[in-house]
PDB file of N, CA and C in Angstrom:
ATOM      1  N   MET A   1       8.711  -0.830   3.509  1.00  0.00           N
ATOM      2  CA  MET A   1       9.073  -1.371   4.801  1.00  0.00           C
ATOM      3  C   MET A   1       8.326  -0.588   5.865  1.00  0.00           C
ATOM      4  N   SER A   2       7.800  -1.306   6.878  1.00  0.00           N
ATOM      5  CA  SER A   2       7.041  -0.645   7.949  1.00  0.00           C
ATOM      6  C   SER A   2       8.001   0.000   8.945  1.00  0.00           C
ATOM      7  N   THR A   3       7.419   0.711   9.899  1.00  0.00           N
ATOM      8  CA  THR A   3       8.176   1.399  10.915  1.00  0.00           C
ATOM      9  C   THR A   3       8.462   0.471  12.070  1.00  0.00           C
ATOM     10  N   PRO A   4       9.734   0.378  12.488  1.00  0.00           N
ATOM     11  CA  PRO A   4      10.068  -0.527  13.582  1.00  0.00           C
ATOM     12  C   PRO A   4       9.501   0.005  14.933  1.00  0.00           C
ATOM     13  N   THR A   5       9.135  -0.953  15.806  1.00  0.00           N
ATOM     14  CA  THR A   5       8.669  -0.645  17.147  1.00  0.00           C
ATOM     15  C   THR A   5       9.712  -1.082  18.122  1.00  0.00           C
ATOM     16  N   VAL A   6      10.228  -0.106  18.912  1.00  0.00           N
ATOM     17  CA  VAL A   6      11.331  -0.398  19.836  1.00  0.00           C
ATOM     18  C   VAL A   6      10.777  -0.534  21.257  1.00  0.00           C
ATOM     19  N   ASP A   7      11.242  -1.565  21.944  1.00  0.00           N
ATOM     20  CA  ASP A   7      10.962  -1.775  23.376  1.00  0.00           C
ATOM     21  C   ASP A   7      12.317  -1.813  24.065  1.00  0.00           C
ATOM     22  N   VAL A   8      12.730  -0.633  24.552  1.00  0.00           N
ATOM     23  CA  VAL A   8      14.062  -0.556  25.170  1.00  0.00           C
ATOM     24  C   VAL A   8      14.174  -1.376  26.406  1.00  0.00           C
ATOM     25  N   ALA A   9      13.127  -1.406  27.246  1.00  0.00           N
ATOM     26  CA  ALA A   9      13.140  -2.184  28.481  1.00  0.00           C
ATOM     27  C   ALA A   9      13.365  -3.685  28.237  1.00  0.00           C
ATOM     28  N   ASN A  10      12.784  -4.222  27.199  1.00  0.00           N
ATOM     29  CA  ASN A  10      12.950  -5.649  26.885  1.00  0.00           C
ATOM     30  C   ASN A  10      14.025  -5.899  25.860  1.00  0.00           C
ATOM     31  N   LYS A  11      14.673  -4.796  25.393  1.00  0.00           N
ATOM     32  CA  LYS A  11      15.775  -4.897  24.401  1.00  0.00           C
ATOM     33  C   LYS A  11      15.357  -5.619  23.135  1.00  0.00           C
ATOM     34  N   THR A  12      14.195  -5.172  22.573  1.00  0.00           N
ATOM     35  CA  THR A  12      13.692  -5.760  21.364  1.00  0.00           C
ATOM     36  C   THR A  12      13.270  -4.669  20.370  1.00  0.00           C
ATOM     37  N   VAL A  13      13.281  -5.077  19.099  1.00  0.00           N
ATOM     38  CA  VAL A  13      12.735  -4.239  18.045  1.00  0.00           C
ATOM     39  C   VAL A  13      11.853  -5.129  17.188  1.00  0.00           C
ATOM     40  N   GLU A  14      10.602  -4.709  16.966  1.00  0.00           N
ATOM     41  CA  GLU A  14       9.706  -5.514  16.132  1.00  0.00           C
ATOM     42  C   GLU A  14       9.581  -4.804  14.780  1.00  0.00           C
ATOM     43  N   LEU A  15       9.732  -5.582  13.736  1.00  0.00           N
ATOM     44  CA  LEU A  15       9.636  -5.038  12.377  1.00  0.00           C
ATOM     45  C   LEU A  15       9.013  -6.090  11.491  1.00  0.00           C
ATOM     46  N   GLU A  16       7.935  -5.710  10.836  1.00  0.00           N
ATOM     47  CA  GLU A  16       7.239  -6.572   9.870  1.00  0.00           C
ATOM     48  C   GLU A  16       6.913  -7.962  10.480  1.00  0.00           C
ATOM     49  N   GLY A  17       6.427  -7.952  11.745  1.00  0.00           N
ATOM     50  CA  GLY A  17       6.010  -9.155  12.369  1.00  0.00           C
ATOM     51  C   GLY A  17       7.097 -10.029  12.958  1.00  0.00           C
ATOM     52  N   ILE A  18       8.327  -9.582  12.907  1.00  0.00           N
ATOM     53  CA  ILE A  18       9.442 -10.309  13.481  1.00  0.00           C
ATOM     54  C   ILE A  18       9.995  -9.541  14.667  1.00  0.00           C
ATOM     55  N   THR A  19      10.230 -10.241  15.774  1.00  0.00           N
ATOM     56  CA  THR A  19      10.824  -9.618  16.944  1.00  0.00           C
ATOM     57  C   THR A  19      12.301  -9.907  16.959  1.00  0.00           C
ATOM     58  N   TYR A  20      13.087  -8.851  16.967  1.00  0.00           N
ATOM     59  CA  TYR A  20      14.541  -8.956  16.990  1.00  0.00           C
ATOM     60  C   TYR A  20      15.042  -8.595  18.419  1.00  0.00           C
ATOM     61  N   LYS A  21      15.806  -9.445  19.005  1.00  0.00           N
ATOM     62  CA  LYS A  21      16.390  -9.241  20.315  1.00  0.00           C
ATOM     63  C   LYS A  21      17.724  -8.507  20.105  1.00  0.00           C
ATOM     64  N   ILE A  22      17.976  -7.473  20.893  1.00  0.00           N
ATOM     65  CA  ILE A  22      19.198  -6.667  20.804  1.00  0.00           C
ATOM     66  C   ILE A  22      20.102  -7.002  21.969  1.00  0.00           C
ATOM     67  N   GLN A  23      21.298  -7.438  21.696  1.00  0.00           N
ATOM     68  CA  GLN A  23      22.253  -7.783  22.730  1.00  0.00           C
ATOM     69  C   GLN A  23      23.505  -6.973  22.602  1.00  0.00           C
ATOM     70  N   ALA A  24      23.893  -6.292  23.660  1.00  0.00           N
ATOM     71  CA  ALA A  24      25.070  -5.414  23.636  1.00  0.00           C
ATOM     72  C   ALA A  24      26.360  -6.176  23.459  1.00  0.00           C
ATOM     73  N   LEU A  25      27.225  -5.658  22.583  1.00  0.00           N
ATOM     74  CA  LEU A  25      28.575  -6.174  22.432  1.00  0.00           C
ATOM     75  C   LEU A  25      29.579  -5.152  23.009  1.00  0.00           C
ATOM     76  N   GLY A  26      29.195  -3.885  22.909  1.00  0.00           N
ATOM     77  CA  GLY A  26      29.990  -2.766  23.374  1.00  0.00           C
ATOM     78  C   GLY A  26      29.093  -1.582  23.494  1.00  0.00           C
ATOM     79  N   GLU A  27      29.678  -0.405  23.679  1.00  0.00           N
ATOM     80  CA  GLU A  27      28.862   0.797  23.870  1.00  0.00           C
ATOM     81  C   GLU A  27      27.984   1.115  22.672  1.00  0.00           C
ATOM     82  N   ASP A  28      28.499   1.000  21.470  1.00  0.00           N
ATOM     83  CA  ASP A  28      27.759   1.300  20.297  1.00  0.00           C
ATOM     84  C   ASP A  28      27.671   0.178  19.263  1.00  0.00           C
ATOM     85  N   SER A  29      27.766  -1.043  19.794  1.00  0.00           N
ATOM     86  CA  SER A  29      27.776  -2.225  18.939  1.00  0.00           C
ATOM     87  C   SER A  29      26.892  -3.296  19.557  1.00  0.00           C
ATOM     88  N   PHE A  30      25.981  -3.863  18.723  1.00  0.00           N
ATOM     89  CA  PHE A  30      24.966  -4.795  19.242  1.00  0.00           C
ATOM     90  C   PHE A  30      24.793  -5.960  18.277  1.00  0.00           C
ATOM     91  N   THR A  31      24.565  -7.137  18.836  1.00  0.00           N
ATOM     92  CA  THR A  31      24.184  -8.313  18.014  1.00  0.00           C
ATOM     93  C   THR A  31      22.674  -8.295  17.917  1.00  0.00           C
ATOM     94  N   VAL A  32      22.142  -8.682  16.775  1.00  0.00           N
ATOM     95  CA  VAL A  32      20.710  -8.765  16.566  1.00  0.00           C
ATOM     96  C   VAL A  32      20.372 -10.241  16.411  1.00  0.00           C
ATOM     97  N   LEU A  33      19.433 -10.711  17.229  1.00  0.00           N
ATOM     98  CA  LEU A  33      19.063 -12.138  17.226  1.00  0.00           C
ATOM     99  C   LEU A  33      17.593 -12.341  16.933  1.00  0.00           C
ATOM    100  N   VAL A  34      17.274 -13.444  16.252  1.00  0.00           N
ATOM    101  CA  VAL A  34      15.888 -13.855  16.038  1.00  0.00           C
ATOM    102  C   VAL A  34      15.802 -15.256  16.626  1.00  0.00           C
ATOM    103  N   GLU A  35      14.949 -15.421  17.657  1.00  0.00           N
ATOM    104  CA  GLU A  35      14.769 -16.675  18.312  1.00  0.00           C
ATOM    105  C   GLU A  35      16.115 -17.260  18.752  1.00  0.00           C
ATOM    106  N   GLY A  36      16.991 -16.391  19.294  1.00  0.00           N
ATOM    107  CA  GLY A  36      18.256 -16.816  19.836  1.00  0.00           C
ATOM    108  C   GLY A  36      19.370 -17.022  18.822  1.00  0.00           C
ATOM    109  N   ILE A  37      19.062 -16.808  17.560  1.00  0.00           N
ATOM    110  CA  ILE A  37      20.073 -17.038  16.495  1.00  0.00           C
ATOM    111  C   ILE A  37      20.522 -15.671  15.970  1.00  0.00           C
ATOM    112  N   PRO A  38      21.847 -15.407  15.974  1.00  0.00           N
ATOM    113  CA  PRO A  38      22.367 -14.122  15.479  1.00  0.00           C
ATOM    114  C   PRO A  38      22.110 -14.014  13.999  1.00  0.00           C
ATOM    115  N   VAL A  39      21.524 -12.838  13.624  1.00  0.00           N
ATOM    116  CA  VAL A  39      21.262 -12.586  12.160  1.00  0.00           C
ATOM    117  C   VAL A  39      22.094 -11.394  11.671  1.00  0.00           C
ATOM    118  N   GLY A  40      22.728 -10.671  12.575  1.00  0.00           N
ATOM    119  CA  GLY A  40      23.560  -9.544  12.169  1.00  0.00           C
ATOM    120  C   GLY A  40      23.971  -8.688  13.364  1.00  0.00           C
ATOM    121  N   ARG A  41      24.587  -7.567  13.023  1.00  0.00           N
ATOM    122  CA  ARG A  41      25.011  -6.604  13.988  1.00  0.00           C
ATOM    123  C   ARG A  41      24.555  -5.220  13.599  1.00  0.00           C
ATOM    124  N   ILE A  42      24.342  -4.365  14.597  1.00  0.00           N
ATOM    125  CA  ILE A  42      24.123  -2.966  14.327  1.00  0.00           C
ATOM    126  C   ILE A  42      25.197  -2.183  15.083  1.00  0.00           C
ATOM    127  N   VAL A  43      25.767  -1.179  14.426  1.00  0.00           N
ATOM    128  CA  VAL A  43      26.869  -0.421  14.973  1.00  0.00           C
ATOM    129  C   VAL A  43      26.562   1.067  14.709  1.00  0.00           C
ATOM    130  N   PHE A  44      26.842   1.904  15.715  1.00  0.00           N
ATOM    131  CA  PHE A  44      26.685   3.333  15.550  1.00  0.00           C
ATOM    132  C   PHE A  44      28.059   3.944  15.412  1.00  0.00           C
ATOM    133  N   THR A  45      28.383   4.429  14.214  1.00  0.00           N
ATOM    134  CA  THR A  45      29.730   5.033  13.950  1.00  0.00           C
ATOM    135  C   THR A  45      29.513   6.317  13.136  1.00  0.00           C
ATOM    136  N   PHE A  46      30.329   7.318  13.495  1.00  0.00           N
ATOM    137  CA  PHE A  46      30.334   8.581  12.775  1.00  0.00           C
ATOM    138  C   PHE A  46      28.949   9.179  12.637  1.00  0.00           C
ATOM    139  N   GLY A  47      28.100   9.003  13.683  1.00  0.00           N
ATOM    140  CA  GLY A  47      26.788   9.640  13.698  1.00  0.00           C
ATOM    141  C   GLY A  47      25.732   8.915  12.917  1.00  0.00           C
ATOM    142  N   ALA A  48      25.960   7.672  12.503  1.00  0.00           N
ATOM    143  CA  ALA A  48      24.975   6.923  11.727  1.00  0.00           C
ATOM    144  C   ALA A  48      24.933   5.463  12.095  1.00  0.00           C
ATOM    145  N   ALA A  49      23.759   4.847  11.957  1.00  0.00           N
ATOM    146  CA  ALA A  49      23.607   3.443  12.213  1.00  0.00           C
ATOM    147  C   ALA A  49      24.023   2.668  11.001  1.00  0.00           C
ATOM    148  N   ASN A  50      24.667   1.532  11.236  1.00  0.00           N
ATOM    149  CA  ASN A  50      25.096   0.641  10.170  1.00  0.00           C
ATOM    150  C   ASN A  50      24.645  -0.773  10.502  1.00  0.00           C
ATOM    151  N   GLY A  51      24.177  -1.483   9.546  1.00  0.00           N
ATOM    152  CA  GLY A  51      23.733  -2.857   9.690  1.00  0.00           C
ATOM    153  C   GLY A  51      24.683  -3.809   8.953  1.00  0.00           C
ATOM    154  N   VAL A  52      25.097  -4.853   9.639  1.00  0.00           N
ATOM    155  CA  VAL A  52      26.001  -5.801   9.045  1.00  0.00           C
ATOM    156  C   VAL A  52      25.360  -7.210   9.147  1.00  0.00           C
ATOM    157  N   PRO A  53      24.878  -7.747   8.075  1.00  0.00           N
ATOM    158  CA  PRO A  53      24.241  -9.076   8.143  1.00  0.00           C
ATOM    159  C   PRO A  53      25.234 -10.215   8.396  1.00  0.00           C
ATOM    160  N   GLU A  54      24.757 -11.247   9.081  1.00  0.00           N
ATOM    161  CA  GLU A  54      25.538 -12.474   9.252  1.00  0.00           C
ATOM    162  C   GLU A  54      24.735 -13.570   8.568  1.00  0.00           C
ATOM    163  N   GLY A  55      25.122 -13.937   7.416  1.00  0.00           N
ATOM    164  CA  GLY A  55      24.344 -14.871   6.613  1.00  0.00           C
ATOM    165  C   GLY A  55      23.394 -14.153   5.704  1.00  0.00           C
ATOM    166  N   ASP A  56      22.387 -14.853   5.167  1.00  0.00           N
ATOM    167  CA  ASP A  56      21.482 -14.263   4.214  1.00  0.00           C
ATOM    168  C   ASP A  56      20.024 -14.226   4.666  1.00  0.00           C
ATOM    169  N   THR A  57      19.788 -14.395   5.974  1.00  0.00           N
ATOM    170  CA  THR A  57      18.420 -14.427   6.474  1.00  0.00           C
ATOM    171  C   THR A  57      17.814 -13.041   6.672  1.00  0.00           C
ATOM    172  N   THR A  58      18.683 -12.042   6.957  1.00  0.00           N
ATOM    173  CA  THR A  58      18.224 -10.654   7.196  1.00  0.00           C
ATOM    174  C   THR A  58      19.062  -9.697   6.345  1.00  0.00           C
ATOM    175  N   SER A  59      18.369  -8.798   5.666  1.00  0.00           N
ATOM    176  CA  SER A  59      19.079  -7.925   4.763  1.00  0.00           C
ATOM    177  C   SER A  59      19.762  -6.748   5.487  1.00  0.00           C
ATOM    178  N   GLU A  60      20.684  -6.139   4.827  1.00  0.00           N
ATOM    179  CA  GLU A  60      21.383  -4.955   5.349  1.00  0.00           C
ATOM    180  C   GLU A  60      20.382  -3.842   5.547  1.00  0.00           C
ATOM    181  N   ASP A  61      19.420  -3.689   4.647  1.00  0.00           N
ATOM    182  CA  ASP A  61      18.388  -2.648   4.785  1.00  0.00           C
ATOM    183  C   ASP A  61      17.545  -2.838   6.047  1.00  0.00           C
ATOM    184  N   THR A  62      17.171  -4.098   6.322  1.00  0.00           N
ATOM    185  CA  THR A  62      16.428  -4.378   7.534  1.00  0.00           C
ATOM    186  C   THR A  62      17.242  -4.087   8.782  1.00  0.00           C
ATOM    187  N   LEU A  63      18.499  -4.449   8.782  1.00  0.00           N
ATOM    188  CA  LEU A  63      19.343  -4.153   9.928  1.00  0.00           C
ATOM    189  C   LEU A  63      19.562  -2.666  10.092  1.00  0.00           C
ATOM    190  N   TYR A  64      19.694  -1.968   8.984  1.00  0.00           N
ATOM    191  CA  TYR A  64      19.820  -0.516   9.029  1.00  0.00           C
ATOM    192  C   TYR A  64      18.585   0.110   9.711  1.00  0.00           C
ATOM    193  N   ALA A  65      17.391  -0.350   9.297  1.00  0.00           N
ATOM    194  CA  ALA A  65      16.162   0.209   9.900  1.00  0.00           C
ATOM    195  C   ALA A  65      16.063  -0.102  11.381  1.00  0.00           C
ATOM    196  N   ILE A  66      16.463  -1.334  11.759  1.00  0.00           N
ATOM    197  CA  ILE A  66      16.465  -1.726  13.182  1.00  0.00           C
ATOM    198  C   ILE A  66      17.484  -0.836  13.923  1.00  0.00           C
ATOM    199  N   GLY A  67      18.637  -0.671  13.340  1.00  0.00           N
ATOM    200  CA  GLY A  67      19.666   0.154  13.978  1.00  0.00           C
ATOM    201  C   GLY A  67      19.252   1.609  14.158  1.00  0.00           C
ATOM    202  N   GLU A  68      18.702   2.192  13.144  1.00  0.00           N
ATOM    203  CA  GLU A  68      18.211   3.587  13.222  1.00  0.00           C
ATOM    204  C   GLU A  68      17.203   3.726  14.322  1.00  0.00           C
ATOM    205  N   ALA A  69      16.226   2.803  14.366  1.00  0.00           N
ATOM    206  CA  ALA A  69      15.192   2.884  15.402  1.00  0.00           C
ATOM    207  C   ALA A  69      15.782   2.680  16.784  1.00  0.00           C
ATOM    208  N   TRP A  70      16.650   1.676  16.925  1.00  0.00           N
ATOM    209  CA  TRP A  70      17.229   1.359  18.224  1.00  0.00           C
ATOM    210  C   TRP A  70      18.074   2.553  18.754  1.00  0.00           C
ATOM    211  N   PHE A  71      18.924   3.065  17.952  1.00  0.00           N
ATOM    212  CA  PHE A  71      19.816   4.164  18.398  1.00  0.00           C
ATOM    213  C   PHE A  71      19.046   5.450  18.678  1.00  0.00           C
ATOM    214  N   ALA A  72      17.968   5.683  17.905  1.00  0.00           N
ATOM    215  CA  ALA A  72      17.138   6.870  18.171  1.00  0.00           C
ATOM    216  C   ALA A  72      16.410   6.684  19.497  1.00  0.00           C
ATOM    217  N   ALA A  73      15.918   5.516  19.801  1.00  0.00           N
ATOM    218  CA  ALA A  73      15.170   5.271  21.028  1.00  0.00           C
ATOM    219  C   ALA A  73      16.088   5.304  22.243  1.00  0.00           C
ATOM    220  N   THR A  74      17.312   4.806  22.115  1.00  0.00           N
ATOM    221  CA  THR A  74      18.215   4.790  23.282  1.00  0.00           C
ATOM    222  C   THR A  74      18.980   6.085  23.490  1.00  0.00           C
ATOM    223  N   ALA A  75      18.872   6.982  22.548  1.00  0.00           N
ATOM    224  CA  ALA A  75      19.534   8.278  22.697  1.00  0.00           C
ATOM    225  C   ALA A  75      18.704   9.245  23.516  1.00  0.00           C
ATOM    226  N   GLU A  76      17.429   8.934  23.706  1.00  0.00           N
ATOM    227  CA  GLU A  76      16.522   9.845  24.407  1.00  0.00           C
ATOM    228  C   GLU A  76      16.742   9.920  25.878  1.00  0.00           C
TER     229      GLU A  76
END
């Protein structure tokens, strides 16, 4: 898996040619969308990112990588 590229200003994460839009649900909880369609959620709990897929289009591992990159970039 390649390294995600985070654009905090535009609230996006690009990974393997796909741009994921990050939309806040709460302080540490976000919906991840591809072309306006929710594909999962990323949540920061107990000091770690967690990915929760919605459906079978995006894997938990992909959401985990997106979450790790997003939370690292926004913690700076």
